[in-house]
Amino acid sequence: MTIRSEQINDDSMALYLSGRLDTTSSPAFELKINELIDGTIDIIFDLKDLSYISSSGLHVLILTHKLMNANGKKLIIRNITGSVKDVFDMTGFSSIITME
């Protein structure tokens, strides 16, 4: 999996994920998120190029969501498609995390 980050403005950052977010890539993904955010800005995850997500990937996203909520900030998921969207729908994450 690869992650590209882009500062949108002073209050938000976009992270573009591509490839597979699974057991192998989740630990590095979590470390990268912890490096990039401190809960003081809104985060947008663009998943257009994410081809697969496992439960360990969902776990990292929900931890990030909880951190953002605790600090009064937003986590937004954009451009979710295909089987990744199906996983979000089946697990109920679609109703927990803001999706655009």
PDB file of N, CA and C in Angstrom:
ATOM      1  N   MET A   1       0.840  -1.168   0.000  1.00  0.00           N
ATOM      2  CA  MET A   1       0.000   0.000   0.000  1.00  0.00           C
ATOM      3  C   MET A   1       0.886   1.233   0.000  1.00  0.00           C
ATOM      4  N   THR A   2       0.422   2.260  -0.690  1.00  0.00           N
ATOM      5  CA  THR A   2       1.120   3.539  -0.662  1.00  0.00           C
ATOM      6  C   THR A   2       0.184   4.615  -0.136  1.00  0.00           C
ATOM      7  N   ILE A   3       0.779   5.619   0.495  1.00  0.00           N
ATOM      8  CA  ILE A   3       0.030   6.740   1.051  1.00  0.00           C
ATOM      9  C   ILE A   3       0.676   8.020   0.550  1.00  0.00           C
ATOM     10  N   ARG A   4      -0.144   8.878  -0.018  1.00  0.00           N
ATOM     11  CA  ARG A   4       0.314  10.204  -0.404  1.00  0.00           C
ATOM     12  C   ARG A   4      -0.488  11.204   0.406  1.00  0.00           C
ATOM     13  N   SER A   5       0.197  12.169   1.019  1.00  0.00           N
ATOM     14  CA  SER A   5      -0.502  13.161   1.829  1.00  0.00           C
ATOM     15  C   SER A   5      -0.455  14.518   1.153  1.00  0.00           C
ATOM     16  N   GLU A   6      -1.502  15.292   1.391  1.00  0.00           N
ATOM     17  CA  GLU A   6      -1.598  16.639   0.830  1.00  0.00           C
ATOM     18  C   GLU A   6      -2.295  17.540   1.842  1.00  0.00           C
ATOM     19  N   GLN A   7      -1.639  18.619   2.211  1.00  0.00           N
ATOM     20  CA  GLN A   7      -2.245  19.602   3.108  1.00  0.00           C
ATOM     21  C   GLN A   7      -3.259  20.391   2.289  1.00  0.00           C
ATOM     22  N   ILE A   8      -4.525  20.337   2.655  1.00  0.00           N
ATOM     23  CA  ILE A   8      -5.581  21.032   1.921  1.00  0.00           C
ATOM     24  C   ILE A   8      -5.603  22.509   2.328  1.00  0.00           C
ATOM     25  N   ASN A   9      -5.615  22.738   3.617  1.00  0.00           N
ATOM     26  CA  ASN A   9      -5.550  24.087   4.176  1.00  0.00           C
ATOM     27  C   ASN A   9      -5.052  23.958   5.614  1.00  0.00           C
ATOM     28  N   ASP A  10      -5.124  25.031   6.371  1.00  0.00           N
ATOM     29  CA  ASP A  10      -4.620  24.978   7.748  1.00  0.00           C
ATOM     30  C   ASP A  10      -5.395  24.004   8.627  1.00  0.00           C
ATOM     31  N   ASP A  11      -6.624  23.677   8.224  1.00  0.00           N
ATOM     32  CA  ASP A  11      -7.499  22.861   9.063  1.00  0.00           C
ATOM     33  C   ASP A  11      -7.714  21.437   8.582  1.00  0.00           C
ATOM     34  N   SER A  12      -7.157  21.071   7.412  1.00  0.00           N
ATOM     35  CA  SER A  12      -7.416  19.718   6.924  1.00  0.00           C
ATOM     36  C   SER A  12      -6.287  19.181   6.049  1.00  0.00           C
ATOM     37  N   MET A  13      -6.194  17.853   6.061  1.00  0.00           N
ATOM     38  CA  MET A  13      -5.200  17.128   5.286  1.00  0.00           C
ATOM     39  C   MET A  13      -5.887  15.962   4.576  1.00  0.00           C
ATOM     40  N   ALA A  14      -5.469  15.703   3.339  1.00  0.00           N
ATOM     41  CA  ALA A  14      -5.981  14.562   2.590  1.00  0.00           C
ATOM     42  C   ALA A  14      -4.900  13.491   2.510  1.00  0.00           C
ATOM     43  N   LEU A  15      -5.310  12.245   2.697  1.00  0.00           N
ATOM     44  CA  LEU A  15      -4.422  11.097   2.542  1.00  0.00           C
ATOM     45  C   LEU A  15      -4.996  10.216   1.436  1.00  0.00           C
ATOM     46  N   TYR A  16      -4.203   9.980   0.404  1.00  0.00           N
ATOM     47  CA  TYR A  16      -4.617   9.180  -0.739  1.00  0.00           C
ATOM     48  C   TYR A  16      -4.001   7.789  -0.592  1.00  0.00           C
ATOM     49  N   LEU A  17      -4.862   6.783  -0.449  1.00  0.00           N
ATOM     50  CA  LEU A  17      -4.407   5.409  -0.245  1.00  0.00           C
ATOM     51  C   LEU A  17      -4.557   4.617  -1.536  1.00  0.00           C
ATOM     52  N   SER A  18      -3.561   3.801  -1.835  1.00  0.00           N
ATOM     53  CA  SER A  18      -3.680   2.922  -2.989  1.00  0.00           C
ATOM     54  C   SER A  18      -3.117   1.547  -2.642  1.00  0.00           C
ATOM     55  N   GLY A  19      -3.660   0.543  -3.315  1.00  0.00           N
ATOM     56  CA  GLY A  19      -3.222  -0.830  -3.065  1.00  0.00           C
ATOM     57  C   GLY A  19      -4.119  -1.543  -2.079  1.00  0.00           C
ATOM     58  N   ARG A  20      -3.495  -2.314  -1.181  1.00  0.00           N
ATOM     59  CA  ARG A  20      -4.226  -3.139  -0.222  1.00  0.00           C
ATOM     60  C   ARG A  20      -3.927  -2.690   1.202  1.00  0.00           C
ATOM     61  N   LEU A  21      -4.973  -2.461   1.971  1.00  0.00           N
ATOM     62  CA  LEU A  21      -4.843  -2.146   3.397  1.00  0.00           C
ATOM     63  C   LEU A  21      -5.245  -3.410   4.150  1.00  0.00           C
ATOM     64  N   ASP A  22      -4.223  -4.205   4.511  1.00  0.00           N
ATOM     65  CA  ASP A  22      -4.481  -5.511   5.116  1.00  0.00           C
ATOM     66  C   ASP A  22      -3.567  -5.727   6.313  1.00  0.00           C
ATOM     67  N   THR A  23      -3.507  -6.943   6.788  1.00  0.00           N
ATOM     68  CA  THR A  23      -2.708  -7.282   7.964  1.00  0.00           C
ATOM     69  C   THR A  23      -1.241  -6.912   7.783  1.00  0.00           C
ATOM     70  N   THR A  24      -0.749  -7.063   6.592  1.00  0.00           N
ATOM     71  CA  THR A  24       0.653  -6.750   6.319  1.00  0.00           C
ATOM     72  C   THR A  24       0.927  -5.247   6.338  1.00  0.00           C
ATOM     73  N   SER A  25       0.033  -4.454   5.752  1.00  0.00           N
ATOM     74  CA  SER A  25       0.272  -3.015   5.617  1.00  0.00           C
ATOM     75  C   SER A  25      -0.315  -2.169   6.749  1.00  0.00           C
ATOM     76  N   SER A  26      -1.219  -2.718   7.540  1.00  0.00           N
ATOM     77  CA  SER A  26      -1.882  -1.933   8.597  1.00  0.00           C
ATOM     78  C   SER A  26      -0.926  -1.359   9.643  1.00  0.00           C
ATOM     79  N   PRO A  27       0.055  -2.109  10.137  1.00  0.00           N
ATOM     80  CA  PRO A  27       0.962  -1.521  11.136  1.00  0.00           C
ATOM     81  C   PRO A  27       1.712  -0.289  10.605  1.00  0.00           C
ATOM     82  N   ALA A  28       2.210  -0.368   9.385  1.00  0.00           N
ATOM     83  CA  ALA A  28       2.909   0.776   8.797  1.00  0.00           C
ATOM     84  C   ALA A  28       1.941   1.931   8.558  1.00  0.00           C
ATOM     85  N   PHE A  29       0.713   1.604   8.159  1.00  0.00           N
ATOM     86  CA  PHE A  29      -0.316   2.620   7.950  1.00  0.00           C
ATOM     87  C   PHE A  29      -0.618   3.356   9.252  1.00  0.00           C
ATOM     88  N   GLU A  30      -0.759   2.600  10.333  1.00  0.00           N
ATOM     89  CA  GLU A  30      -1.039   3.214  11.632  1.00  0.00           C
ATOM     90  C   GLU A  30       0.119   4.120  12.064  1.00  0.00           C
ATOM     91  N   LEU A  31       1.337   3.678  11.874  1.00  0.00           N
ATOM     92  CA  LEU A  31       2.500   4.515  12.206  1.00  0.00           C
ATOM     93  C   LEU A  31       2.514   5.798  11.387  1.00  0.00           C
ATOM     94  N   LYS A  32       2.213   5.673  10.099  1.00  0.00           N
ATOM     95  CA  LYS A  32       2.193   6.843   9.211  1.00  0.00           C
ATOM     96  C   LYS A  32       1.123   7.828   9.651  1.00  0.00           C
ATOM     97  N   ILE A  33      -0.053   7.329   9.990  1.00  0.00           N
ATOM     98  CA  ILE A  33      -1.124   8.213  10.458  1.00  0.00           C
ATOM     99  C   ILE A  33      -0.689   8.928  11.729  1.00  0.00           C
ATOM    100  N   ASN A  34      -0.095   8.199  12.646  1.00  0.00           N
ATOM    101  CA  ASN A  34       0.348   8.805  13.902  1.00  0.00           C
ATOM    102  C   ASN A  34       1.414   9.877  13.672  1.00  0.00           C
ATOM    103  N   GLU A  35       2.234   9.701  12.638  1.00  0.00           N
ATOM    104  CA  GLU A  35       3.229  10.713  12.292  1.00  0.00           C
ATOM    105  C   GLU A  35       2.580  11.965  11.715  1.00  0.00           C
ATOM    106  N   LEU A  36       1.544  11.759  10.904  1.00  0.00           N
ATOM    107  CA  LEU A  36       0.952  12.863  10.155  1.00  0.00           C
ATOM    108  C   LEU A  36      -0.072  13.674  10.932  1.00  0.00           C
ATOM    109  N   ILE A  37      -0.772  13.007  11.831  1.00  0.00           N
ATOM    110  CA  ILE A  37      -1.855  13.725  12.520  1.00  0.00           C
ATOM    111  C   ILE A  37      -1.634  13.721  14.016  1.00  0.00           C
ATOM    112  N   ASP A  38      -2.191  14.703  14.629  1.00  0.00           N
ATOM    113  CA  ASP A  38      -2.170  14.768  16.082  1.00  0.00           C
ATOM    114  C   ASP A  38      -3.565  15.058  16.626  1.00  0.00           C
ATOM    115  N   GLY A  39      -4.570  14.914  15.762  1.00  0.00           N
ATOM    116  CA  GLY A  39      -5.941  15.129  16.201  1.00  0.00           C
ATOM    117  C   GLY A  39      -6.368  16.583  16.164  1.00  0.00           C
ATOM    118  N   THR A  40      -5.515  17.456  15.595  1.00  0.00           N
ATOM    119  CA  THR A  40      -5.858  18.874  15.601  1.00  0.00           C
ATOM    120  C   THR A  40      -6.373  19.380  14.259  1.00  0.00           C
ATOM    121  N   ILE A  41      -6.377  18.512  13.239  1.00  0.00           N
ATOM    122  CA  ILE A  41      -6.904  18.902  11.938  1.00  0.00           C
ATOM    123  C   ILE A  41      -7.862  17.832  11.443  1.00  0.00           C
ATOM    124  N   ASP A  42      -8.736  18.221  10.519  1.00  0.00           N
ATOM    125  CA  ASP A  42      -9.627  17.257   9.889  1.00  0.00           C
ATOM    126  C   ASP A  42      -8.825  16.413   8.907  1.00  0.00           C
ATOM    127  N   ILE A  43      -9.201  15.148   8.765  1.00  0.00           N
ATOM    128  CA  ILE A  43      -8.516  14.225   7.868  1.00  0.00           C
ATOM    129  C   ILE A  43      -9.501  13.706   6.825  1.00  0.00           C
ATOM    130  N   ILE A  44      -9.059  13.713   5.583  1.00  0.00           N
ATOM    131  CA  ILE A  44      -9.828  13.149   4.480  1.00  0.00           C
ATOM    132  C   ILE A  44      -9.036  11.969   3.929  1.00  0.00           C
ATOM    133  N   PHE A  45      -9.647  10.791   3.921  1.00  0.00           N
ATOM    134  CA  PHE A  45      -9.045   9.624   3.293  1.00  0.00           C
ATOM    135  C   PHE A  45      -9.686   9.460   1.922  1.00  0.00           C
ATOM    136  N   ASP A  46      -8.883   9.534   0.879  1.00  0.00           N
ATOM    137  CA  ASP A  46      -9.368   9.287  -0.472  1.00  0.00           C
ATOM    138  C   ASP A  46      -9.018   7.833  -0.813  1.00  0.00           C
ATOM    139  N   LEU A  47     -10.050   7.020  -1.015  1.00  0.00           N
ATOM    140  CA  LEU A  47      -9.859   5.581  -1.215  1.00  0.00           C
ATOM    141  C   LEU A  47     -10.094   5.145  -2.654  1.00  0.00           C
ATOM    142  N   LYS A  48     -10.062   6.087  -3.586  1.00  0.00           N
ATOM    143  CA  LYS A  48     -10.328   5.773  -4.989  1.00  0.00           C
ATOM    144  C   LYS A  48      -9.440   4.639  -5.505  1.00  0.00           C
ATOM    145  N   ASP A  49      -8.180   4.612  -5.087  1.00  0.00           N
ATOM    146  CA  ASP A  49      -7.242   3.615  -5.587  1.00  0.00           C
ATOM    147  C   ASP A  49      -6.960   2.490  -4.600  1.00  0.00           C
ATOM    148  N   LEU A  50      -7.773   2.397  -3.546  1.00  0.00           N
ATOM    149  CA  LEU A  50      -7.630   1.302  -2.590  1.00  0.00           C
ATOM    150  C   LEU A  50      -8.401   0.100  -3.131  1.00  0.00           C
ATOM    151  N   SER A  51      -7.709  -1.008  -3.349  1.00  0.00           N
ATOM    152  CA  SER A  51      -8.344  -2.166  -3.973  1.00  0.00           C
ATOM    153  C   SER A  51      -8.883  -3.179  -2.963  1.00  0.00           C
ATOM    154  N   TYR A  52      -8.415  -3.114  -1.710  1.00  0.00           N
ATOM    155  CA  TYR A  52      -8.810  -4.116  -0.711  1.00  0.00           C
ATOM    156  C   TYR A  52      -8.602  -3.537   0.683  1.00  0.00           C
ATOM    157  N   ILE A  53      -9.503  -3.895   1.603  1.00  0.00           N
ATOM    158  CA  ILE A  53      -9.336  -3.536   3.015  1.00  0.00           C
ATOM    159  C   ILE A  53      -9.740  -4.733   3.864  1.00  0.00           C
ATOM    160  N   SER A  54      -8.927  -5.054   4.856  1.00  0.00           N
ATOM    161  CA  SER A  54      -9.225  -6.162   5.766  1.00  0.00           C
ATOM    162  C   SER A  54      -9.708  -5.592   7.098  1.00  0.00           C
ATOM    163  N   SER A  55     -10.021  -6.488   8.026  1.00  0.00           N
ATOM    164  CA  SER A  55     -10.475  -6.044   9.349  1.00  0.00           C
ATOM    165  C   SER A  55      -9.394  -5.258  10.071  1.00  0.00           C
ATOM    166  N   SER A  56      -8.134  -5.582   9.845  1.00  0.00           N
ATOM    167  CA  SER A  56      -7.065  -4.817  10.504  1.00  0.00           C
ATOM    168  C   SER A  56      -6.982  -3.404   9.940  1.00  0.00           C
ATOM    169  N   GLY A  57      -7.265  -3.234   8.665  1.00  0.00           N
ATOM    170  CA  GLY A  57      -7.329  -1.894   8.073  1.00  0.00           C
ATOM    171  C   GLY A  57      -8.504  -1.105   8.617  1.00  0.00           C
ATOM    172  N   LEU A  58      -9.652  -1.770   8.747  1.00  0.00           N
ATOM    173  CA  LEU A  58     -10.826  -1.118   9.336  1.00  0.00           C
ATOM    174  C   LEU A  58     -10.540  -0.702  10.776  1.00  0.00           C
ATOM    175  N   HIS A  59      -9.805  -1.533  11.490  1.00  0.00           N
ATOM    176  CA  HIS A  59      -9.455  -1.235  12.881  1.00  0.00           C
ATOM    177  C   HIS A  59      -8.666   0.075  12.970  1.00  0.00           C
ATOM    178  N   VAL A  60      -7.693   0.254  12.094  1.00  0.00           N
ATOM    179  CA  VAL A  60      -6.900   1.491  12.104  1.00  0.00           C
ATOM    180  C   VAL A  60      -7.787   2.695  11.778  1.00  0.00           C
ATOM    181  N   LEU A  61      -8.687   2.535  10.830  1.00  0.00           N
ATOM    182  CA  LEU A  61      -9.580   3.642  10.483  1.00  0.00           C
ATOM    183  C   LEU A  61     -10.498   4.017  11.639  1.00  0.00           C
ATOM    184  N   ILE A  62     -11.017   3.023  12.347  1.00  0.00           N
ATOM    185  CA  ILE A  62     -11.916   3.336  13.462  1.00  0.00           C
ATOM    186  C   ILE A  62     -11.149   3.964  14.612  1.00  0.00           C
ATOM    187  N   LEU A  63      -9.907   3.549  14.850  1.00  0.00           N
ATOM    188  CA  LEU A  63      -9.089   4.205  15.874  1.00  0.00           C
ATOM    189  C   LEU A  63      -8.838   5.663  15.511  1.00  0.00           C
ATOM    190  N   THR A  64      -8.571   5.914  14.235  1.00  0.00           N
ATOM    191  CA  THR A  64      -8.364   7.285  13.768  1.00  0.00           C
ATOM    192  C   THR A  64      -9.643   8.097  13.937  1.00  0.00           C
ATOM    193  N   HIS A  65     -10.770   7.493  13.598  1.00  0.00           N
ATOM    194  CA  HIS A  65     -12.072   8.154  13.760  1.00  0.00           C
ATOM    195  C   HIS A  65     -12.312   8.539  15.223  1.00  0.00           C
ATOM    196  N   LYS A  66     -12.011   7.632  16.138  1.00  0.00           N
ATOM    197  CA  LYS A  66     -12.197   7.912  17.566  1.00  0.00           C
ATOM    198  C   LYS A  66     -11.291   9.048  18.030  1.00  0.00           C
ATOM    199  N   LEU A  67     -10.048   9.055  17.575  1.00  0.00           N
ATOM    200  CA  LEU A  67      -9.119  10.127  17.920  1.00  0.00           C
ATOM    201  C   LEU A  67      -9.639  11.469  17.418  1.00  0.00           C
ATOM    202  N   MET A  68     -10.120  11.482  16.188  1.00  0.00           N
ATOM    203  CA  MET A  68     -10.628  12.720  15.608  1.00  0.00           C
ATOM    204  C   MET A  68     -11.840  13.221  16.389  1.00  0.00           C
ATOM    205  N   ASN A  69     -12.778  12.324  16.682  1.00  0.00           N
ATOM    206  CA  ASN A  69     -13.976  12.713  17.438  1.00  0.00           C
ATOM    207  C   ASN A  69     -13.627  13.243  18.820  1.00  0.00           C
ATOM    208  N   ALA A  70     -12.673  12.605  19.484  1.00  0.00           N
ATOM    209  CA  ALA A  70     -12.271  13.035  20.826  1.00  0.00           C
ATOM    210  C   ALA A  70     -11.707  14.452  20.825  1.00  0.00           C
ATOM    211  N   ASN A  71     -11.168  14.874  19.682  1.00  0.00           N
ATOM    212  CA  ASN A  71     -10.588  16.201  19.569  1.00  0.00           C
ATOM    213  C   ASN A  71     -11.485  17.175  18.807  1.00  0.00           C
ATOM    214  N   GLY A  72     -12.741  16.789  18.580  1.00  0.00           N
ATOM    215  CA  GLY A  72     -13.691  17.666  17.907  1.00  0.00           C
ATOM    216  C   GLY A  72     -13.395  17.876  16.430  1.00  0.00           C
ATOM    217  N   LYS A  73     -12.704  16.932  15.820  1.00  0.00           N
ATOM    218  CA  LYS A  73     -12.354  17.034  14.406  1.00  0.00           C
ATOM    219  C   LYS A  73     -13.059  15.943  13.613  1.00  0.00           C
ATOM    220  N   LYS A  74     -12.996  16.047  12.288  1.00  0.00           N
ATOM    221  CA  LYS A  74     -13.710  15.114  11.424  1.00  0.00           C
ATOM    222  C   LYS A  74     -12.763  14.192  10.669  1.00  0.00           C
ATOM    223  N   LEU A  75     -13.231  12.985  10.464  1.00  0.00           N
ATOM    224  CA  LEU A  75     -12.602  12.040   9.545  1.00  0.00           C
ATOM    225  C   LEU A  75     -13.612  11.810   8.436  1.00  0.00           C
ATOM    226  N   ILE A  76     -13.196  12.041   7.214  1.00  0.00           N
ATOM    227  CA  ILE A  76     -14.077  11.892   6.057  1.00  0.00           C
ATOM    228  C   ILE A  76     -13.449  10.888   5.098  1.00  0.00           C
ATOM    229  N   ILE A  77     -14.276   9.985   4.582  1.00  0.00           N
ATOM    230  CA  ILE A  77     -13.845   9.020   3.579  1.00  0.00           C
ATOM    231  C   ILE A  77     -14.430   9.472   2.239  1.00  0.00           C
ATOM    232  N   ARG A  78     -13.568   9.578   1.230  1.00  0.00           N
ATOM    233  CA  ARG A  78     -14.023   9.985  -0.109  1.00  0.00           C
ATOM    234  C   ARG A  78     -13.681   8.916  -1.135  1.00  0.00           C
ATOM    235  N   ASN A  79     -14.485   8.910  -2.184  1.00  0.00           N
ATOM    236  CA  ASN A  79     -14.212   8.100  -3.378  1.00  0.00           C
ATOM    237  C   ASN A  79     -14.059   6.612  -3.080  1.00  0.00           C
ATOM    238  N   ILE A  80     -14.891   6.108  -2.194  1.00  0.00           N
ATOM    239  CA  ILE A  80     -14.855   4.678  -1.869  1.00  0.00           C
ATOM    240  C   ILE A  80     -15.683   3.925  -2.915  1.00  0.00           C
ATOM    241  N   THR A  81     -15.111   2.862  -3.442  1.00  0.00           N
ATOM    242  CA  THR A  81     -15.778   2.141  -4.523  1.00  0.00           C
ATOM    243  C   THR A  81     -15.620   0.635  -4.366  1.00  0.00           C
ATOM    244  N   GLY A  82     -16.338  -0.081  -5.173  1.00  0.00           N
ATOM    245  CA  GLY A  82     -16.189  -1.518  -5.326  1.00  0.00           C
ATOM    246  C   GLY A  82     -16.259  -2.332  -4.059  1.00  0.00           C
ATOM    247  N   SER A  83     -15.343  -3.290  -3.956  1.00  0.00           N
ATOM    248  CA  SER A  83     -15.360  -4.219  -2.836  1.00  0.00           C
ATOM    249  C   SER A  83     -15.027  -3.531  -1.518  1.00  0.00           C
ATOM    250  N   VAL A  84     -14.265  -2.449  -1.567  1.00  0.00           N
ATOM    251  CA  VAL A  84     -13.967  -1.705  -0.335  1.00  0.00           C
ATOM    252  C   VAL A  84     -15.252  -1.095   0.210  1.00  0.00           C
ATOM    253  N   LYS A  85     -16.076  -0.530  -0.671  1.00  0.00           N
ATOM    254  CA  LYS A  85     -17.370   0.016  -0.232  1.00  0.00           C
ATOM    255  C   LYS A  85     -18.263  -1.086   0.313  1.00  0.00           C
ATOM    256  N   ASP A  86     -18.241  -2.244  -0.335  1.00  0.00           N
ATOM    257  CA  ASP A  86     -19.032  -3.378   0.139  1.00  0.00           C
ATOM    258  C   ASP A  86     -18.647  -3.762   1.571  1.00  0.00           C
ATOM    259  N   VAL A  87     -17.351  -3.768   1.871  1.00  0.00           N
ATOM    260  CA  VAL A  87     -16.876  -4.097   3.224  1.00  0.00           C
ATOM    261  C   VAL A  87     -17.383  -3.055   4.219  1.00  0.00           C
ATOM    262  N   PHE A  88     -17.308  -1.781   3.861  1.00  0.00           N
ATOM    263  CA  PHE A  88     -17.812  -0.723   4.741  1.00  0.00           C
ATOM    264  C   PHE A  88     -19.304  -0.910   5.005  1.00  0.00           C
ATOM    265  N   ASP A  89     -20.057  -1.238   3.960  1.00  0.00           N
ATOM    266  CA  ASP A  89     -21.506  -1.426   4.102  1.00  0.00           C
ATOM    267  C   ASP A  89     -21.829  -2.644   4.963  1.00  0.00           C
ATOM    268  N   MET A  90     -21.142  -3.769   4.711  1.00  0.00           N
ATOM    269  CA  MET A  90     -21.427  -5.008   5.442  1.00  0.00           C
ATOM    270  C   MET A  90     -21.080  -4.901   6.924  1.00  0.00           C
ATOM    271  N   THR A  91     -20.047  -4.146   7.248  1.00  0.00           N
ATOM    272  CA  THR A  91     -19.611  -4.037   8.643  1.00  0.00           C
ATOM    273  C   THR A  91     -20.308  -2.913   9.401  1.00  0.00           C
ATOM    274  N   GLY A  92     -21.053  -2.069   8.690  1.00  0.00           N
ATOM    275  CA  GLY A  92     -21.725  -0.950   9.334  1.00  0.00           C
ATOM    276  C   GLY A  92     -20.868   0.298   9.460  1.00  0.00           C
ATOM    277  N   PHE A  93     -19.651   0.259   8.940  1.00  0.00           N
ATOM    278  CA  PHE A  93     -18.768   1.426   9.006  1.00  0.00           C
ATOM    279  C   PHE A  93     -19.334   2.606   8.221  1.00  0.00           C
ATOM    280  N   SER A  94     -20.155   2.311   7.213  1.00  0.00           N
ATOM    281  CA  SER A  94     -20.773   3.374   6.408  1.00  0.00           C
ATOM    282  C   SER A  94     -21.631   4.286   7.257  1.00  0.00           C
ATOM    283  N   SER A  95     -22.213   3.743   8.318  1.00  0.00           N
ATOM    284  CA  SER A  95     -23.067   4.566   9.176  1.00  0.00           C
ATOM    285  C   SER A  95     -22.299   5.227  10.313  1.00  0.00           C
ATOM    286  N   ILE A  96     -21.044   4.843  10.519  1.00  0.00           N
ATOM    287  CA  ILE A  96     -20.226   5.402  11.598  1.00  0.00           C
ATOM    288  C   ILE A  96     -19.353   6.548  11.104  1.00  0.00           C
ATOM    289  N   ILE A  97     -18.730   6.345   9.952  1.00  0.00           N
ATOM    290  CA  ILE A  97     -17.766   7.305   9.416  1.00  0.00           C
ATOM    291  C   ILE A  97     -18.413   8.098   8.299  1.00  0.00           C
ATOM    292  N   THR A  98     -18.161   9.403   8.268  1.00  0.00           N
ATOM    293  CA  THR A  98     -18.699  10.267   7.220  1.00  0.00           C
ATOM    294  C   THR A  98     -18.092   9.887   5.882  1.00  0.00           C
ATOM    295  N   MET A  99     -18.976   9.632   4.901  1.00  0.00           N
ATOM    296  CA  MET A  99     -18.519   9.242   3.569  1.00  0.00           C
ATOM    297  C   MET A  99     -19.088  10.215   2.548  1.00  0.00           C
ATOM    298  N   GLU A 100     -18.226  10.574   1.598  1.00  0.00           N
ATOM    299  CA  GLU A 100     -18.648  11.472   0.512  1.00  0.00           C
ATOM    300  C   GLU A 100     -18.418  10.801  -0.823  1.00  0.00           C
TER     301      GLU A 100
END
